[in-house]
PDB file of N, CA and C in Angstrom:
ATOM      1  N   MET A   1     -75.483-185.237 -33.396  1.00  0.00           N
ATOM      2  CA  MET A   1     -75.890-185.165 -34.785  1.00  0.00           C
ATOM      3  C   MET A   1     -77.397-185.358 -34.950  1.00  0.00           C
ATOM      4  N   LYS A   2     -78.022-186.016 -34.023  1.00  0.00           N
ATOM      5  CA  LYS A   2     -79.457-186.236 -34.148  1.00  0.00           C
ATOM      6  C   LYS A   2     -80.226-184.927 -34.066  1.00  0.00           C
ATOM      7  N   PHE A   3     -79.684-183.980 -33.302  1.00  0.00           N
ATOM      8  CA  PHE A   3     -80.340-182.686 -33.163  1.00  0.00           C
ATOM      9  C   PHE A   3     -80.369-181.946 -34.492  1.00  0.00           C
ATOM     10  N   SER A   4     -79.301-182.048 -35.262  1.00  0.00           N
ATOM     11  CA  SER A   4     -79.261-181.362 -36.559  1.00  0.00           C
ATOM     12  C   SER A   4     -80.186-182.032 -37.571  1.00  0.00           C
ATOM     13  N   LYS A   5     -80.401-183.344 -37.449  1.00  0.00           N
ATOM     14  CA  LYS A   5     -81.321-184.023 -38.365  1.00  0.00           C
ATOM     15  C   LYS A   5     -82.756-183.573 -38.126  1.00  0.00           C
ATOM     16  N   ILE A   6     -83.085-183.265 -36.886  1.00  0.00           N
ATOM     17  CA  ILE A   6     -84.420-182.755 -36.589  1.00  0.00           C
ATOM     18  C   ILE A   6     -84.629-181.423 -37.294  1.00  0.00           C
ATOM     19  N   PHE A   7     -83.608-180.568 -37.274  1.00  0.00           N
ATOM     20  CA  PHE A   7     -83.731-179.275 -37.943  1.00  0.00           C
ATOM     21  C   PHE A   7     -83.794-179.422 -39.454  1.00  0.00           C
ATOM     22  N   GLN A   8     -83.137-180.431 -39.999  1.00  0.00           N
ATOM     23  CA  GLN A   8     -83.241-180.664 -41.435  1.00  0.00           C
ATOM     24  C   GLN A   8     -84.687-180.904 -41.832  1.00  0.00           C
ATOM     25  N   TYR A   9     -85.362-181.741 -41.086  1.00  0.00           N
ATOM     26  CA  TYR A   9     -86.751-182.047 -41.414  1.00  0.00           C
ATOM     27  C   TYR A   9     -87.683-180.906 -41.045  1.00  0.00           C
ATOM     28  N   ALA A  10     -87.277-180.064 -40.123  1.00  0.00           N
ATOM     29  CA  ALA A  10     -88.089-178.898 -39.792  1.00  0.00           C
ATOM     30  C   ALA A  10     -88.159-177.948 -40.992  1.00  0.00           C
ATOM     31  N   TYR A  11     -87.086-177.867 -41.766  1.00  0.00           N
ATOM     32  CA  TYR A  11     -87.112-177.048 -42.972  1.00  0.00           C
ATOM     33  C   TYR A  11     -88.164-177.564 -43.953  1.00  0.00           C
ATOM     34  N   LEU A  12     -88.290-178.872 -44.081  1.00  0.00           N
ATOM     35  CA  LEU A  12     -89.310-179.421 -44.971  1.00  0.00           C
ATOM     36  C   LEU A  12     -90.715-179.129 -44.456  1.00  0.00           C
ATOM     37  N   VAL A  13     -90.896-179.188 -43.144  1.00  0.00           N
ATOM     38  CA  VAL A  13     -92.204-178.865 -42.561  1.00  0.00           C
ATOM     39  C   VAL A  13     -92.555-177.409 -42.850  1.00  0.00           C
ATOM     40  N   PHE A  14     -91.583-176.515 -42.670  1.00  0.00           N
ATOM     41  CA  PHE A  14     -91.842-175.111 -42.962  1.00  0.00           C
ATOM     42  C   PHE A  14     -92.125-174.896 -44.444  1.00  0.00           C
ATOM     43  N   ALA A  15     -91.459-175.637 -45.319  1.00  0.00           N
ATOM     44  CA  ALA A  15     -91.719-175.512 -46.754  1.00  0.00           C
ATOM     45  C   ALA A  15     -93.157-175.895 -47.067  1.00  0.00           C
ATOM     46  N   VAL A  16     -93.633-176.975 -46.469  1.00  0.00           N
ATOM     47  CA  VAL A  16     -95.018-177.396 -46.698  1.00  0.00           C
ATOM     48  C   VAL A  16     -95.985-176.337 -46.174  1.00  0.00           C
ATOM     49  N   LEU A  17     -95.688-175.776 -45.004  1.00  0.00           N
ATOM     50  CA  LEU A  17     -96.559-174.738 -44.453  1.00  0.00           C
ATOM     51  C   LEU A  17     -96.583-173.496 -45.331  1.00  0.00           C
ATOM     52  N   PHE A  18     -95.438-173.100 -45.865  1.00  0.00           N
ATOM     53  CA  PHE A  18     -95.401-171.933 -46.746  1.00  0.00           C
ATOM     54  C   PHE A  18     -96.131-172.207 -48.063  1.00  0.00           C
ATOM     55  N   ILE A  19     -96.036-173.423 -48.572  1.00  0.00           N
ATOM     56  CA  ILE A  19     -96.763-173.759 -49.798  1.00  0.00           C
ATOM     57  C   ILE A  19     -98.263-173.725 -49.543  1.00  0.00           C
ATOM     58  N   TYR A  20     -98.691-174.255 -48.421  1.00  0.00           N
ATOM     59  CA  TYR A  20    -100.112-174.191 -48.063  1.00  0.00           C
ATOM     60  C   TYR A  20    -100.565-172.736 -47.914  1.00  0.00           C
ATOM     61  N   ASP A  21     -99.731-171.921 -47.295  1.00  0.00           N
ATOM     62  CA  ASP A  21    -100.051-170.505 -47.127  1.00  0.00           C
ATOM     63  C   ASP A  21    -100.174-169.804 -48.473  1.00  0.00           C
ATOM     64  N   SER A  22     -99.288-170.126 -49.396  1.00  0.00           N
ATOM     65  CA  SER A  22     -99.352-169.478 -50.707  1.00  0.00           C
ATOM     66  C   SER A  22    -100.594-169.907 -51.481  1.00  0.00           C
ATOM     67  N   ILE A  23    -100.988-171.165 -51.340  1.00  0.00           N
ATOM     68  CA  ILE A  23    -102.205-171.631 -52.021  1.00  0.00           C
ATOM     69  C   ILE A  23    -103.430-170.923 -51.453  1.00  0.00           C
ATOM     70  N   SER A  24    -103.443-170.749 -50.137  1.00  0.00           N
ATOM     71  CA  SER A  24    -104.608-170.095 -49.535  1.00  0.00           C
ATOM     72  C   SER A  24    -104.654-168.597 -49.836  1.00  0.00           C
ATOM     73  N   LYS A  25    -103.513-167.972 -50.092  1.00  0.00           N
ATOM     74  CA  LYS A  25    -103.471-166.544 -50.399  1.00  0.00           C
ATOM     75  C   LYS A  25    -103.572-166.237 -51.890  1.00  0.00           C
ATOM     76  N   TRP A  26    -103.532-167.242 -52.745  1.00  0.00           N
ATOM     77  CA  TRP A  26    -103.389-167.022 -54.186  1.00  0.00           C
ATOM     78  C   TRP A  26    -104.492-166.136 -54.762  1.00  0.00           C
ATOM     79  N   THR A  27    -105.738-166.338 -54.368  1.00  0.00           N
ATOM     80  CA  THR A  27    -106.828-165.553 -54.956  1.00  0.00           C
ATOM     81  C   THR A  27    -107.008-164.211 -54.261  1.00  0.00           C
ATOM     82  N   ILE A  28    -106.582-164.111 -53.022  1.00  0.00           N
ATOM     83  CA  ILE A  28    -106.789-162.883 -52.259  1.00  0.00           C
ATOM     84  C   ILE A  28    -105.660-161.883 -52.488  1.00  0.00           C
ATOM     85  N   ASN A  29    -104.433-162.333 -52.282  1.00  0.00           N
ATOM     86  CA  ASN A  29    -103.278-161.446 -52.346  1.00  0.00           C
ATOM     87  C   ASN A  29    -102.152-162.177 -53.063  1.00  0.00           C
ATOM     88  N   ARG A  30    -102.023-161.943 -54.342  1.00  0.00           N
ATOM     89  CA  ARG A  30    -101.048-162.688 -55.132  1.00  0.00           C
ATOM     90  C   ARG A  30     -99.609-162.345 -54.746  1.00  0.00           C
ATOM     91  N   ASN A  31     -99.336-161.094 -54.343  1.00  0.00           N
ATOM     92  CA  ASN A  31     -97.978-160.734 -53.920  1.00  0.00           C
ATOM     93  C   ASN A  31     -97.584-161.490 -52.663  1.00  0.00           C
ATOM     94  N   GLY A  32     -98.489-161.643 -51.727  1.00  0.00           N
ATOM     95  CA  GLY A  32     -98.221-162.418 -50.527  1.00  0.00           C
ATOM     96  C   GLY A  32     -97.980-163.885 -50.842  1.00  0.00           C
ATOM     97  N   ALA A  33     -98.673-164.382 -51.857  1.00  0.00           N
ATOM     98  CA  ALA A  33     -98.483-165.774 -52.278  1.00  0.00           C
ATOM     99  C   ALA A  33     -97.090-165.973 -52.864  1.00  0.00           C
ATOM    100  N   TYR A  34     -96.617-164.999 -53.632  1.00  0.00           N
ATOM    101  CA  TYR A  34     -95.276-165.096 -54.191  1.00  0.00           C
ATOM    102  C   TYR A  34     -94.211-165.083 -53.098  1.00  0.00           C
ATOM    103  N   ILE A  35     -94.424-164.292 -52.084  1.00  0.00           N
ATOM    104  CA  ILE A  35     -93.481-164.248 -50.968  1.00  0.00           C
ATOM    105  C   ILE A  35     -93.454-165.601 -50.255  1.00  0.00           C
ATOM    106  N   SER A  36     -94.614-166.180 -50.051  1.00  0.00           N
ATOM    107  CA  SER A  36     -94.679-167.489 -49.399  1.00  0.00           C
ATOM    108  C   SER A  36     -94.009-168.565 -50.253  1.00  0.00           C
ATOM    109  N   LEU A  37     -94.191-168.493 -51.563  1.00  0.00           N
ATOM    110  CA  LEU A  37     -93.519-169.450 -52.440  1.00  0.00           C
ATOM    111  C   LEU A  37     -91.999-169.269 -52.406  1.00  0.00           C
ATOM    112  N   GLY A  38     -91.556-168.030 -52.329  1.00  0.00           N
ATOM    113  CA  GLY A  38     -90.118-167.773 -52.209  1.00  0.00           C
ATOM    114  C   GLY A  38     -89.550-168.325 -50.918  1.00  0.00           C
ATOM    115  N   LEU A  39     -90.273-168.161 -49.835  1.00  0.00           N
ATOM    116  CA  LEU A  39     -89.823-168.707 -48.556  1.00  0.00           C
ATOM    117  C   LEU A  39     -89.835-170.235 -48.561  1.00  0.00           C
ATOM    118  N   ALA A  40     -90.798-170.827 -49.248  1.00  0.00           N
ATOM    119  CA  ALA A  40     -90.832-172.285 -49.381  1.00  0.00           C
ATOM    120  C   ALA A  40     -89.628-172.778 -50.168  1.00  0.00           C
ATOM    121  N   ALA A  41     -89.287-172.070 -51.243  1.00  0.00           N
ATOM    122  CA  ALA A  41     -88.104-172.443 -52.028  1.00  0.00           C
ATOM    123  C   ALA A  41     -86.836-172.300 -51.197  1.00  0.00           C
ATOM    124  N   LEU A  42     -86.766-171.260 -50.392  1.00  0.00           N
ATOM    125  CA  LEU A  42     -85.610-171.074 -49.514  1.00  0.00           C
ATOM    126  C   LEU A  42     -85.518-172.188 -48.480  1.00  0.00           C
ATOM    127  N   ALA A  43     -86.641-172.602 -47.925  1.00  0.00           N
ATOM    128  CA  ALA A  43     -86.645-173.680 -46.934  1.00  0.00           C
ATOM    129  C   ALA A  43     -86.197-175.002 -47.565  1.00  0.00           C
ATOM    130  N   ILE A  44     -86.636-175.266 -48.788  1.00  0.00           N
ATOM    131  CA  ILE A  44     -86.216-176.493 -49.478  1.00  0.00           C
ATOM    132  C   ILE A  44     -84.729-176.441 -49.779  1.00  0.00           C
ATOM    133  N   PHE A  45     -84.227-175.289 -50.208  1.00  0.00           N
ATOM    134  CA  PHE A  45     -82.792-175.127 -50.440  1.00  0.00           C
ATOM    135  C   PHE A  45     -82.003-175.357 -49.157  1.00  0.00           C
ATOM    136  N   MET A  46     -82.481-174.815 -48.056  1.00  0.00           N
ATOM    137  CA  MET A  46     -81.783-174.981 -46.779  1.00  0.00           C
ATOM    138  C   MET A  46     -81.778-176.438 -46.337  1.00  0.00           C
ATOM    139  N   TYR A  47     -82.844-177.176 -46.621  1.00  0.00           N
ATOM    140  CA  TYR A  47     -82.873-178.602 -46.288  1.00  0.00           C
ATOM    141  C   TYR A  47     -81.752-179.335 -47.006  1.00  0.00           C
ATOM    142  N   PHE A  48     -81.641-179.144 -48.321  1.00  0.00           N
ATOM    143  CA  PHE A  48     -80.614-179.848 -49.077  1.00  0.00           C
ATOM    144  C   PHE A  48     -79.216-179.365 -48.711  1.00  0.00           C
ATOM    145  N   PHE A  49     -79.064-178.082 -48.429  1.00  0.00           N
ATOM    146  CA  PHE A  49     -77.768-177.549 -48.027  1.00  0.00           C
ATOM    147  C   PHE A  49     -77.328-178.142 -46.702  1.00  0.00           C
ATOM    148  N   ARG A  50     -78.230-178.162 -45.720  1.00  0.00           N
ATOM    149  CA  ARG A  50     -77.887-178.716 -44.405  1.00  0.00           C
ATOM    150  C   ARG A  50     -77.605-180.211 -44.493  1.00  0.00           C
ATOM    151  N   ARG A  51     -78.354-180.927 -45.335  1.00  0.00           N
ATOM    152  CA  ARG A  51     -78.134-182.361 -45.483  1.00  0.00           C
ATOM    153  C   ARG A  51     -76.767-182.647 -46.084  1.00  0.00           C
ATOM    154  N   LYS A  52     -76.404-181.883 -47.103  1.00  0.00           N
ATOM    155  CA  LYS A  52     -75.095-182.072 -47.731  1.00  0.00           C
ATOM    156  C   LYS A  52     -73.982-181.720 -46.754  1.00  0.00           C
ATOM    157  N   PHE A  53     -74.156-180.650 -46.010  1.00  0.00           N
ATOM    158  CA  PHE A  53     -73.149-180.231 -45.039  1.00  0.00           C
ATOM    159  C   PHE A  53     -73.003-181.264 -43.925  1.00  0.00           C
ATOM    160  N   ALA A  54     -74.111-181.841 -43.452  1.00  0.00           N
ATOM    161  CA  ALA A  54     -74.064-182.858 -42.394  1.00  0.00           C
ATOM    162  C   ALA A  54     -73.365-184.119 -42.890  1.00  0.00           C
ATOM    163  N   LYS A  55     -73.614-184.505 -44.145  1.00  0.00           N
ATOM    164  CA  LYS A  55     -72.931-185.674 -44.703  1.00  0.00           C
ATOM    165  C   LYS A  55     -71.433-185.425 -44.810  1.00  0.00           C
ATOM    166  N   LYS A  56     -71.058-184.215 -45.188  1.00  0.00           N
ATOM    167  CA  LYS A  56     -69.643-183.888 -45.313  1.00  0.00           C
ATOM    168  C   LYS A  56     -68.954-183.966 -43.949  1.00  0.00           C
ATOM    169  N   ILE A  57     -69.592-183.462 -42.920  1.00  0.00           N
ATOM    170  CA  ILE A  57     -69.016-183.512 -41.571  1.00  0.00           C
ATOM    171  C   ILE A  57     -68.941-184.951 -41.076  1.00  0.00           C
ATOM    172  N   GLU A  58     -69.988-185.738 -41.355  1.00  0.00           N
ATOM    173  CA  GLU A  58     -69.984-187.148 -40.940  1.00  0.00           C
ATOM    174  C   GLU A  58     -68.870-187.919 -41.620  1.00  0.00           C
ATOM    175  N   GLU A  59     -68.667-187.707 -42.906  1.00  0.00           N
ATOM    176  CA  GLU A  59     -67.577-188.367 -43.626  1.00  0.00           C
ATOM    177  C   GLU A  59     -66.227-187.941 -43.078  1.00  0.00           C
ATOM    178  N   ASN A  60     -66.110-186.671 -42.721  1.00  0.00           N
ATOM    179  CA  ASN A  60     -64.870-186.164 -42.169  1.00  0.00           C
ATOM    180  C   ASN A  60     -64.584-186.801 -40.811  1.00  0.00           C
ATOM    181  N   ASN A  61     -65.604-186.987 -39.985  1.00  0.00           N
ATOM    182  CA  ASN A  61     -65.432-187.605 -38.677  1.00  0.00           C
ATOM    183  C   ASN A  61     -65.125-189.086 -38.794  1.00  0.00           C
ATOM    184  N   ASN A  62     -65.687-189.770 -39.793  1.00  0.00           N
ATOM    185  CA  ASN A  62     -65.440-191.185 -39.976  1.00  0.00           C
ATOM    186  C   ASN A  62     -64.045-191.464 -40.513  1.00  0.00           C
ATOM    187  N   SER A  63     -63.469-190.531 -41.251  1.00  0.00           N
ATOM    188  CA  SER A  63     -62.146-190.754 -41.834  1.00  0.00           C
ATOM    189  C   SER A  63     -61.020-190.551 -40.826  1.00  0.00           C
ATOM    190  N   LYS A  64     -61.317-189.931 -39.709  1.00  0.00           N
ATOM    191  CA  LYS A  64     -60.267-189.696 -38.697  1.00  0.00           C
ATOM    192  C   LYS A  64     -60.020-190.883 -37.844  1.00  0.00           C
TER     193      LYS A  64
END
C-alpha cells in the first residue's frame, strides 16, 4: 500500500508543475495555458479519486 501512496502524492506534484507551466505560458500562448490548467485539474481529481479508492480498499481489508 505504501507504493500507491507515493503515486497519490505524485499526482499533486504533477498538478503543481502543470499550474506553474500554465502561469509561465499565460502571456505567450493562452491556449497552451488552458491545456495545462486542464491537466492540473485532472491531476487533482486523480489524487482525490485514488485516495478515496485506497481508503475503501483499506477498510475492506480491515473488516475481513
